């Protein structure tokens, strides 16, 4: 079974840093600490404005997955 890939996002309500699965990008999630709902979005994705087709989210998810693959191939 492949491991899930995560990114970090701060809860907009309580400010806690959360690990969010890449599969949840663009979807509504709930903070496990304060139970506040919010949309999962990578803060670095500001360069990709939302689109109706969701292609920008898919592109950003691919970039995050590629970055993880590169880190695994070339650990520091």
N, C-alpha and C. Protein backbone atom coordinates (compact mmCIF):
# COMPACT_ATOMS: atom_id res chain seq x y z
N UNK A 1 0.84 -1.17 0.00
CA UNK A 1 0.00 0.00 0.00
C UNK A 1 0.90 1.24 0.00
N UNK A 2 0.69 2.17 -0.94
CA UNK A 2 1.54 3.37 -1.01
C UNK A 2 1.25 4.30 0.17
N UNK A 3 2.29 5.01 0.60
CA UNK A 3 2.13 5.98 1.67
C UNK A 3 1.42 7.21 1.14
N UNK A 4 0.63 7.85 2.00
CA UNK A 4 -0.03 9.10 1.62
C UNK A 4 0.99 10.23 1.68
N UNK A 5 0.76 11.24 0.84
CA UNK A 5 1.59 12.43 0.84
C UNK A 5 0.80 13.56 1.49
N UNK A 6 1.48 14.30 2.35
CA UNK A 6 0.83 15.35 3.12
C UNK A 6 1.47 16.71 2.84
N UNK A 7 0.71 17.76 3.11
CA UNK A 7 1.24 19.11 3.15
C UNK A 7 0.75 19.72 4.46
N UNK A 8 1.37 20.79 4.87
CA UNK A 8 0.99 21.44 6.13
C UNK A 8 0.15 22.67 5.84
N UNK A 9 -0.90 22.82 6.63
CA UNK A 9 -1.77 23.99 6.51
C UNK A 9 -2.18 24.42 7.91
N UNK A 10 -2.21 25.71 8.12
CA UNK A 10 -2.63 26.25 9.40
C UNK A 10 -4.15 26.34 9.42
N UNK A 11 -4.75 25.92 10.52
CA UNK A 11 -6.20 26.06 10.68
C UNK A 11 -6.53 27.55 10.74
N UNK A 12 -7.46 28.03 9.91
CA UNK A 12 -7.78 29.46 9.92
C UNK A 12 -8.50 29.90 11.20
N UNK A 13 -9.01 28.96 11.99
CA UNK A 13 -9.73 29.31 13.22
C UNK A 13 -8.83 29.28 14.44
N UNK A 14 -8.15 28.14 14.67
CA UNK A 14 -7.35 28.02 15.90
C UNK A 14 -5.85 28.23 15.67
N UNK A 15 -5.41 28.25 14.41
CA UNK A 15 -4.02 28.53 14.10
C UNK A 15 -3.07 27.36 14.22
N UNK A 16 -3.59 26.18 14.56
CA UNK A 16 -2.72 25.00 14.66
C UNK A 16 -2.27 24.55 13.30
N UNK A 17 -1.03 24.06 13.22
CA UNK A 17 -0.49 23.54 11.97
C UNK A 17 -0.97 22.11 11.81
N UNK A 18 -1.60 21.82 10.68
CA UNK A 18 -2.21 20.52 10.44
C UNK A 18 -1.55 19.82 9.26
N UNK A 19 -1.46 18.50 9.35
CA UNK A 19 -1.03 17.69 8.21
C UNK A 19 -2.28 17.33 7.43
N UNK A 20 -2.30 17.68 6.16
CA UNK A 20 -3.47 17.41 5.32
C UNK A 20 -3.02 16.57 4.13
N UNK A 21 -3.74 15.52 3.83
CA UNK A 21 -3.40 14.69 2.68
C UNK A 21 -3.59 15.48 1.39
N UNK A 22 -2.69 15.25 0.44
CA UNK A 22 -2.75 15.94 -0.85
C UNK A 22 -4.08 15.64 -1.54
N UNK A 23 -4.63 14.45 -1.32
CA UNK A 23 -5.90 14.08 -1.96
C UNK A 23 -7.05 15.01 -1.57
N UNK A 24 -6.89 15.74 -0.45
CA UNK A 24 -7.95 16.62 0.04
C UNK A 24 -7.83 18.06 -0.46
N UNK A 25 -6.84 18.36 -1.30
CA UNK A 25 -6.70 19.71 -1.84
C UNK A 25 -8.00 20.16 -2.50
N UNK A 26 -8.46 21.34 -2.14
CA UNK A 26 -9.67 21.90 -2.74
C UNK A 26 -10.96 21.38 -2.13
N UNK A 27 -10.86 20.52 -1.13
CA UNK A 27 -12.06 19.95 -0.50
C UNK A 27 -12.22 20.52 0.90
N UNK A 28 -13.45 20.47 1.39
CA UNK A 28 -13.73 20.93 2.75
C UNK A 28 -13.29 19.85 3.74
N UNK A 29 -12.55 20.26 4.75
CA UNK A 29 -12.08 19.37 5.80
C UNK A 29 -12.42 20.01 7.15
N UNK A 30 -12.17 19.27 8.24
CA UNK A 30 -12.46 19.76 9.58
C UNK A 30 -11.20 19.66 10.42
N UNK A 31 -10.89 20.71 11.14
CA UNK A 31 -9.73 20.72 12.04
C UNK A 31 -9.96 19.69 13.14
N UNK A 32 -8.98 18.85 13.36
CA UNK A 32 -9.10 17.81 14.38
C UNK A 32 -8.97 18.37 15.80
N UNK A 33 -8.56 19.62 15.93
CA UNK A 33 -8.39 20.22 17.25
C UNK A 33 -9.61 21.03 17.67
N UNK A 34 -10.07 21.93 16.79
CA UNK A 34 -11.18 22.81 17.17
C UNK A 34 -12.48 22.50 16.43
N UNK A 35 -12.41 21.55 15.49
CA UNK A 35 -13.58 21.10 14.71
C UNK A 35 -14.13 22.16 13.75
N UNK A 36 -13.33 23.17 13.45
CA UNK A 36 -13.77 24.20 12.50
C UNK A 36 -13.61 23.69 11.07
N UNK A 37 -14.61 23.90 10.22
CA UNK A 37 -14.49 23.50 8.81
C UNK A 37 -13.69 24.54 8.03
N UNK A 38 -12.93 24.08 7.04
CA UNK A 38 -12.19 24.97 6.16
C UNK A 38 -11.83 24.22 4.89
N UNK A 39 -11.41 24.95 3.86
CA UNK A 39 -11.01 24.32 2.60
C UNK A 39 -9.52 24.01 2.64
N UNK A 40 -9.18 22.78 2.31
CA UNK A 40 -7.77 22.38 2.27
C UNK A 40 -7.11 23.01 1.06
N UNK A 41 -6.10 23.83 1.31
CA UNK A 41 -5.37 24.46 0.21
C UNK A 41 -3.94 24.70 0.66
N UNK A 42 -3.02 24.40 -0.20
CA UNK A 42 -1.60 24.60 0.10
C UNK A 42 -1.30 26.09 -0.01
N UNK A 43 -0.70 26.69 1.01
CA UNK A 43 -0.41 28.13 0.96
C UNK A 43 0.47 28.51 -0.21
N UNK A 44 1.32 27.60 -0.68
CA UNK A 44 2.18 27.89 -1.82
C UNK A 44 1.43 27.88 -3.15
N UNK A 45 0.16 27.49 -3.12
CA UNK A 45 -0.60 27.39 -4.37
C UNK A 45 -1.24 28.71 -4.78
N UNK A 46 -0.89 29.80 -4.10
CA UNK A 46 -1.47 31.11 -4.45
C UNK A 46 -1.17 31.49 -5.89
N UNK A 47 -0.11 30.91 -6.45
CA UNK A 47 0.24 31.21 -7.83
C UNK A 47 -0.74 30.56 -8.80
N UNK A 48 -1.58 29.65 -8.28
CA UNK A 48 -2.54 28.95 -9.12
C UNK A 48 -3.95 29.32 -8.68
N UNK A 49 -4.54 30.32 -9.32
CA UNK A 49 -5.89 30.71 -8.92
C UNK A 49 -6.88 29.57 -9.17
N UNK A 50 -7.92 29.46 -8.33
CA UNK A 50 -8.90 28.39 -8.50
C UNK A 50 -9.58 28.46 -9.87
N UNK A 51 -9.90 27.33 -10.42
CA UNK A 51 -10.62 27.29 -11.69
C UNK A 51 -11.77 26.32 -11.55
N UNK A 52 -12.78 26.50 -12.37
CA UNK A 52 -13.94 25.63 -12.32
C UNK A 52 -13.57 24.18 -12.62
N UNK A 53 -12.59 23.97 -13.46
CA UNK A 53 -12.25 22.61 -13.87
C UNK A 53 -11.40 21.89 -12.84
N UNK A 54 -10.77 22.62 -11.93
CA UNK A 54 -9.92 22.01 -10.93
C UNK A 54 -8.55 21.62 -11.46
N UNK A 55 -8.25 22.03 -12.68
CA UNK A 55 -6.95 21.68 -13.25
C UNK A 55 -5.80 22.29 -12.47
N UNK A 56 -6.00 23.48 -11.93
CA UNK A 56 -4.91 24.10 -11.17
C UNK A 56 -4.62 23.30 -9.90
N UNK A 57 -5.65 22.75 -9.27
CA UNK A 57 -5.43 21.93 -8.08
C UNK A 57 -4.69 20.65 -8.44
N UNK A 58 -5.06 20.05 -9.54
CA UNK A 58 -4.38 18.83 -9.98
C UNK A 58 -2.92 19.12 -10.31
N UNK A 59 -2.66 20.24 -10.94
CA UNK A 59 -1.29 20.61 -11.28
C UNK A 59 -0.47 20.80 -10.01
N UNK A 60 -1.03 21.49 -9.02
CA UNK A 60 -0.32 21.72 -7.76
C UNK A 60 -0.09 20.40 -7.03
N UNK A 61 -1.07 19.50 -7.04
CA UNK A 61 -0.90 18.19 -6.40
C UNK A 61 0.23 17.42 -7.06
N UNK A 62 0.30 17.46 -8.39
CA UNK A 62 1.38 16.80 -9.11
C UNK A 62 2.74 17.39 -8.73
N UNK A 63 2.81 18.71 -8.59
CA UNK A 63 4.06 19.36 -8.19
C UNK A 63 4.49 18.92 -6.79
N UNK A 64 3.53 18.83 -5.87
CA UNK A 64 3.85 18.39 -4.52
C UNK A 64 4.33 16.95 -4.51
N UNK A 65 3.68 16.09 -5.28
CA UNK A 65 4.11 14.69 -5.37
C UNK A 65 5.50 14.58 -5.99
N UNK A 66 5.77 15.38 -7.02
CA UNK A 66 7.11 15.37 -7.63
C UNK A 66 8.17 15.83 -6.63
N UNK A 67 7.85 16.83 -5.83
CA UNK A 67 8.80 17.32 -4.83
C UNK A 67 9.12 16.23 -3.82
N UNK A 68 8.11 15.47 -3.42
CA UNK A 68 8.33 14.37 -2.47
C UNK A 68 9.20 13.30 -3.11
N UNK A 69 8.94 12.98 -4.36
CA UNK A 69 9.75 11.97 -5.06
C UNK A 69 11.20 12.42 -5.16
N UNK A 70 11.42 13.70 -5.44
CA UNK A 70 12.78 14.22 -5.54
C UNK A 70 13.50 14.13 -4.20
N UNK A 71 12.79 14.43 -3.11
CA UNK A 71 13.41 14.36 -1.78
C UNK A 71 13.78 12.92 -1.44
N UNK A 72 12.96 11.97 -1.89
CA UNK A 72 13.26 10.57 -1.61
C UNK A 72 14.47 10.10 -2.43
N UNK A 73 14.59 10.61 -3.65
CA UNK A 73 15.71 10.24 -4.50
C UNK A 73 17.01 10.91 -4.08
N UNK A 74 16.90 12.14 -3.59
CA UNK A 74 18.08 12.94 -3.22
C UNK A 74 17.93 13.48 -1.81
N UNK A 75 17.97 12.60 -0.80
CA UNK A 75 17.84 13.10 0.58
C UNK A 75 19.01 13.99 0.96
N UNK A 76 18.75 14.91 1.83
CA UNK A 76 19.79 15.89 2.24
C UNK A 76 20.71 15.29 3.25
